[in-house]
N, C-alpha and C. Protein backbone atom coordinates (compact mmCIF):
# COMPACT_ATOMS: atom_id res chain seq x y z
N UNK A 1 -9.47 -27.58 18.36
CA UNK A 1 -8.61 -25.78 17.54
C UNK A 1 -8.03 -26.32 16.65
N UNK A 2 -8.72 -25.98 15.31
CA UNK A 2 -8.44 -26.38 13.76
C UNK A 2 -8.54 -24.91 12.77
N UNK A 3 -7.17 -24.82 13.46
CA UNK A 3 -6.62 -23.04 11.65
C UNK A 3 -5.77 -23.48 11.13
N UNK A 4 -5.73 -22.87 9.94
CA UNK A 4 -4.59 -22.83 9.41
C UNK A 4 -3.87 -21.59 8.68
N UNK A 5 -2.94 -20.99 9.57
CA UNK A 5 -2.25 -20.01 8.61
C UNK A 5 -1.39 -19.89 7.90
N UNK A 6 -0.91 -18.93 7.35
CA UNK A 6 0.00 -19.00 6.23
C UNK A 6 1.63 -18.71 7.24
N UNK A 7 2.35 -19.09 6.35
CA UNK A 7 4.12 -19.59 7.29
C UNK A 7 4.22 -18.03 6.80
N UNK A 8 5.51 -17.20 7.55
CA UNK A 8 5.75 -15.87 6.95
C UNK A 8 6.54 -15.62 6.67
N UNK A 9 7.83 -16.71 6.22
CA UNK A 9 8.61 -16.46 5.49
C UNK A 9 10.02 -15.97 6.17
N UNK A 10 9.65 -15.60 7.88
CA UNK A 10 10.75 -14.96 7.84
C UNK A 10 11.71 -16.02 8.22
N UNK A 11 13.22 -15.32 7.56
CA UNK A 11 14.27 -16.19 8.48
C UNK A 11 15.09 -15.97 10.01
N UNK A 12 15.05 -16.43 10.46
CA UNK A 12 15.86 -17.02 12.26
C UNK A 12 16.25 -17.42 12.13
N UNK A 13 17.25 -18.23 11.33
CA UNK A 13 17.96 -18.94 11.90
C UNK A 13 17.84 -20.29 12.51
N UNK A 14 19.35 -21.61 12.74
CA UNK A 14 18.77 -22.56 13.06
C UNK A 14 19.40 -22.16 14.43
N UNK A 15 17.99 -22.00 15.33
CA UNK A 15 18.25 -21.75 16.59
C UNK A 15 17.55 -23.05 17.08
N UNK A 16 18.22 -23.26 19.08
CA UNK A 16 16.94 -23.86 19.73
C UNK A 16 15.67 -23.25 19.99
N UNK A 17 15.34 -25.03 20.44
CA UNK A 17 13.14 -25.02 20.48
C UNK A 17 13.04 -25.33 21.63
N UNK A 18 11.93 -25.10 22.15
CA UNK A 18 11.32 -24.75 23.47
C UNK A 18 11.24 -26.46 23.23
N UNK A 19 10.71 -26.70 25.13
CA UNK A 19 10.75 -27.63 25.58
C UNK A 19 9.40 -27.39 25.72
N UNK A 20 8.26 -28.57 25.01
CA UNK A 20 7.39 -28.51 25.45
C UNK A 20 6.77 -29.49 26.46
N UNK A 21 6.02 -29.24 26.82
CA UNK A 21 5.60 -29.01 28.66
C UNK A 21 3.75 -28.76 28.79
N UNK A 22 3.10 -29.37 28.88
CA UNK A 22 1.65 -28.92 29.49
C UNK A 22 0.96 -27.39 29.08
N UNK A 23 2.37 -27.09 29.96
CA UNK A 23 1.95 -25.24 29.80
C UNK A 23 1.57 -25.13 29.15
N UNK A 24 3.08 -24.74 27.63
CA UNK A 24 3.45 -23.86 27.26
C UNK A 24 2.18 -25.02 25.42
N UNK A 25 2.31 -25.71 25.58
CA UNK A 25 1.36 -26.62 25.12
C UNK A 25 -0.10 -26.33 25.02
N UNK A 26 -0.62 -25.34 26.60
CA UNK A 26 -1.95 -24.85 25.89
C UNK A 26 -1.73 -23.92 25.96
N UNK A 27 -1.10 -22.78 26.10
CA UNK A 27 -0.71 -21.54 25.79
C UNK A 27 -0.85 -21.34 23.78
N UNK A 28 -0.15 -22.43 23.80
CA UNK A 28 -0.08 -22.32 21.75
C UNK A 28 -1.38 -22.55 21.04
N UNK A 29 -2.43 -23.24 22.60
CA UNK A 29 -3.47 -23.76 21.30
C UNK A 29 -4.13 -22.17 22.09
N UNK A 30 -4.68 -21.78 23.33
CA UNK A 30 -5.07 -20.81 23.14
C UNK A 30 -4.72 -19.70 22.26
N UNK A 31 -3.03 -19.50 22.01
CA UNK A 31 -3.25 -17.65 21.45
C UNK A 31 -3.22 -18.14 19.57
N UNK A 32 -3.31 -19.43 18.86
CA UNK A 32 -3.66 -19.93 17.98
C UNK A 32 -5.24 -19.97 18.05
N UNK A 33 -5.65 -20.47 18.61
CA UNK A 33 -6.99 -20.07 18.70
C UNK A 33 -8.08 -18.63 19.14
N UNK A 34 -7.06 -17.72 19.60
CA UNK A 34 -7.33 -16.51 19.41
C UNK A 34 -6.99 -16.55 18.59
N UNK A 35 -5.49 -16.42 17.44
CA UNK A 35 -5.38 -16.03 15.90
C UNK A 35 -5.78 -16.24 14.79
N UNK A 36 -6.54 -17.14 14.78
CA UNK A 36 -7.15 -17.82 13.99
C UNK A 36 -8.90 -17.26 14.22
N UNK A 37 -9.22 -16.65 14.99
CA UNK A 37 -10.51 -15.39 15.35
C UNK A 37 -10.39 -13.85 15.21
N UNK A 38 -8.61 -13.88 15.04
CA UNK A 38 -8.38 -12.14 14.81
C UNK A 38 -8.41 -11.81 15.39
N UNK A 39 -7.67 -12.46 17.22
CA UNK A 39 -7.53 -11.60 18.23
C UNK A 39 -5.55 -11.95 18.43
N UNK A 40 -5.67 -11.44 19.61
CA UNK A 40 -4.09 -11.50 20.18
C UNK A 40 -4.73 -12.20 21.60
N UNK A 41 -3.32 -13.15 22.27
CA UNK A 41 -3.52 -12.64 23.45
C UNK A 41 -2.86 -11.92 24.41
N UNK A 42 -2.77 -12.24 25.84
CA UNK A 42 -1.89 -12.52 26.74
C UNK A 42 -2.42 -13.21 27.57
N UNK A 43 -0.67 -14.22 27.83
CA UNK A 43 -0.54 -14.81 28.93
C UNK A 43 -0.03 -14.08 30.29
N UNK A 44 -0.77 -13.84 31.13
CA UNK A 44 -0.68 -14.52 32.70
C UNK A 44 -0.33 -15.38 33.48
N UNK A 45 0.60 -14.92 34.34
CA UNK A 45 0.40 -16.06 35.54
C UNK A 45 1.89 -15.60 36.37
N UNK A 46 3.00 -16.36 37.22
CA UNK A 46 4.14 -16.09 37.93
C UNK A 46 4.78 -16.03 36.84
N UNK A 47 5.60 -14.15 37.22
CA UNK A 47 7.27 -14.43 36.84
C UNK A 47 7.97 -16.20 37.05
N UNK A 48 8.89 -16.21 35.53
CA UNK A 48 9.45 -17.34 35.76
C UNK A 48 9.06 -19.12 34.77
N UNK A 49 8.19 -17.90 34.73
CA UNK A 49 6.66 -19.81 34.04
C UNK A 49 7.63 -19.53 32.52
N UNK A 50 8.10 -19.17 32.09
CA UNK A 50 8.24 -18.51 30.52
C UNK A 50 6.94 -18.37 29.65
N UNK A 51 6.18 -16.91 30.03
CA UNK A 51 5.40 -17.12 29.11
C UNK A 51 5.91 -16.17 28.39
N UNK A 52 7.30 -15.39 28.13
CA UNK A 52 7.23 -14.71 27.05
C UNK A 52 8.58 -16.02 26.12
N UNK A 53 9.39 -16.54 26.33
CA UNK A 53 9.76 -17.26 25.88
C UNK A 53 8.90 -18.63 24.86
N UNK A 54 7.60 -18.77 25.48
CA UNK A 54 6.93 -19.71 25.10
C UNK A 54 6.39 -18.79 23.68
N UNK A 55 5.97 -16.98 23.97
CA UNK A 55 5.04 -16.85 22.98
C UNK A 55 6.13 -16.36 22.02
N UNK A 56 7.34 -15.95 22.34
CA UNK A 56 8.64 -16.24 21.40
C UNK A 56 8.78 -17.69 19.81
N UNK A 57 8.58 -18.41 21.37
CA UNK A 57 8.84 -20.17 19.99
C UNK A 57 7.47 -19.98 19.02
N UNK A 58 6.52 -19.52 20.19
CA UNK A 58 5.40 -19.88 18.80
C UNK A 58 5.62 -18.82 17.39
N UNK A 59 6.07 -17.90 18.24
CA UNK A 59 5.88 -16.81 16.81
C UNK A 59 7.35 -17.51 15.77
N UNK A 60 8.15 -17.83 15.57
CA UNK A 60 9.26 -18.73 15.60
C UNK A 60 8.60 -19.67 15.12
N UNK A 61 7.42 -20.84 15.61
CA UNK A 61 7.44 -21.32 14.75
C UNK A 61 6.16 -21.25 13.21
N UNK A 62 5.34 -20.15 13.28
CA UNK A 62 4.65 -19.64 13.11
C UNK A 62 5.52 -18.16 11.58
N UNK A 63 7.01 -17.95 11.85
CA UNK A 63 8.17 -17.29 11.36
C UNK A 63 7.72 -16.58 11.06
N UNK A 64 7.40 -15.72 11.80
CA UNK A 64 6.96 -13.93 12.55
C UNK A 64 7.77 -13.70 13.00
N UNK A 65 8.04 -12.50 13.10
CA UNK A 65 9.48 -11.96 13.53
C UNK A 65 8.25 -11.47 15.46
N UNK A 66 9.52 -11.08 16.46
CA UNK A 66 8.47 -11.40 17.92
C UNK A 66 9.99 -9.88 17.98
N UNK A 67 9.45 -8.80 18.82
CA UNK A 67 9.76 -8.07 19.28
C UNK A 67 9.56 -8.23 20.86
N UNK A 68 9.90 -8.68 21.89
CA UNK A 68 10.54 -8.51 22.84
C UNK A 68 10.82 -6.67 23.70
N UNK A 69 9.55 -5.69 24.19
CA UNK A 69 9.26 -4.63 24.44
C UNK A 69 9.21 -4.72 25.91
N UNK A 70 10.41 -3.99 26.58
CA UNK A 70 10.45 -3.68 28.86
C UNK A 70 9.42 -2.23 28.75
N UNK A 71 8.66 -2.25 29.09
CA UNK A 71 7.97 -0.49 29.74
C UNK A 71 8.45 -0.71 30.92
N UNK A 72 7.69 0.71 31.19
CA UNK A 72 8.63 1.39 32.19
C UNK A 72 7.91 1.90 32.39
N UNK A 73 7.81 3.20 33.84
CA UNK A 73 7.96 3.88 34.07
C UNK A 73 7.18 5.51 32.23
N UNK A 74 8.37 5.18 32.47
CA UNK A 74 8.88 7.32 31.09
C UNK A 74 7.51 6.79 29.98
N UNK A 75 6.87 5.69 30.01
CA UNK A 75 6.87 5.62 28.38
C UNK A 75 5.65 6.42 28.66
N UNK A 76 5.28 6.74 27.33
CA UNK A 76 3.87 7.92 26.90
C UNK A 76 3.50 7.62 25.34
N UNK A 77 2.84 8.03 25.59
CA UNK A 77 1.61 7.99 24.30
C UNK A 77 2.54 8.27 22.65
N UNK A 78 3.12 8.86 22.54
CA UNK A 78 4.11 9.25 21.73
C UNK A 78 4.67 7.91 21.36
N UNK A 79 5.89 7.42 22.15
CA UNK A 79 6.72 6.16 22.34
C UNK A 79 5.87 5.20 21.49
N UNK A 80 4.95 5.22 22.66
CA UNK A 80 4.24 3.77 22.93
C UNK A 80 3.10 3.21 21.28
N UNK A 81 3.26 5.21 20.00
CA UNK A 81 2.60 5.24 19.22
C UNK A 81 3.02 4.37 17.71
N UNK A 82 5.15 4.76 17.87
CA UNK A 82 5.04 4.92 17.52
C UNK A 82 5.73 3.79 17.13
N UNK A 83 5.60 2.97 18.52
CA UNK A 83 6.48 1.31 18.35
C UNK A 83 5.24 0.96 18.22
N UNK A 84 3.87 0.86 17.29
CA UNK A 84 2.82 0.15 17.10
C UNK A 84 2.26 0.63 15.87
N UNK A 85 3.19 1.85 15.45
CA UNK A 85 2.71 2.19 13.68
C UNK A 85 4.55 1.31 13.30
N UNK A 86 5.38 1.23 14.26
CA UNK A 86 6.63 -0.23 13.11
C UNK A 86 5.87 -1.59 13.45
N UNK A 87 5.34 -1.72 14.03
CA UNK A 87 4.36 -2.85 14.12
C UNK A 87 4.39 -3.25 12.78
N UNK A 88 2.81 -2.38 12.62
CA UNK A 88 2.05 -2.43 11.28
C UNK A 88 2.74 -2.79 9.86
N UNK A 89 4.14 -1.67 10.17
CA UNK A 89 4.01 -1.74 8.73
C UNK A 89 5.14 -3.21 8.59
N UNK A 90 5.59 -4.19 9.48
CA UNK A 90 6.27 -5.01 9.34
C UNK A 90 5.36 -6.15 9.41
N UNK A 91 4.76 -6.32 10.84
CA UNK A 91 3.71 -7.44 10.92
C UNK A 91 4.37 -7.69 11.81
N UNK A 92 5.78 -7.08 12.41
CA UNK A 92 5.83 -8.78 13.21
C UNK A 92 4.96 -8.51 14.62
N UNK A 93 5.28 -9.29 15.17
CA UNK A 93 4.69 -9.26 16.68
C UNK A 93 5.08 -9.02 17.82
N UNK A 94 3.79 -8.82 19.06
CA UNK A 94 4.99 -7.69 19.84
C UNK A 94 4.69 -8.09 21.41
N UNK A 95 5.75 -8.46 21.99
CA UNK A 95 5.56 -9.20 23.67
C UNK A 95 6.01 -7.57 24.73
N UNK A 96 4.70 -7.44 25.30
CA UNK A 96 5.23 -6.73 26.50
C UNK A 96 5.83 -6.61 28.03
N UNK A 97 6.31 -7.24 28.29
CA UNK A 97 7.21 -7.49 29.49
C UNK A 97 7.04 -6.61 30.43
N UNK A 98 7.07 -6.83 31.93
CA UNK A 98 6.42 -5.96 32.75
C UNK A 98 5.54 -5.47 32.39
N UNK A 99 4.49 -5.53 31.81
CA UNK A 99 3.60 -4.54 31.66
C UNK A 99 2.77 -4.16 32.64
N UNK A 100 2.57 -4.34 34.29
CA UNK A 100 2.27 -4.20 34.87
C UNK A 100 2.36 -2.98 36.28
N UNK A 101 3.99 -2.72 35.15
CA UNK A 101 4.89 -1.67 36.27
C UNK A 101 3.72 0.00 35.85
C-alpha cells in the first residue's frame, strides 16, 4: 500500500506513543489504505484489544485531532447531526466507542 498524506499541523504535545504490535501494524495499513481511497474505517474485534487507542495513535501520527465519542441509547439524530457538523468544520477524526449499544 503506497499512499501520501499531508501532515495535519495539529500540535498534540509530546506524549507517549503506542507499542507497535502485528495487530496495530495491520490496522495502520488497513486504515491508511482506506484513507488513500477516500474511505473510512471501522476496526472491529473483542473488547480490550486496543482498537480505539490504535486509531487515536494513527491520528496523532498524521497530526489530526481524534475525538472519541461514547455512544449511548439517548442519542438522537439532532445530536449526531451537530456532532458531524463540528467534525466537518474542523477536519477532525471521530472514534465512536460502544457503537453497538
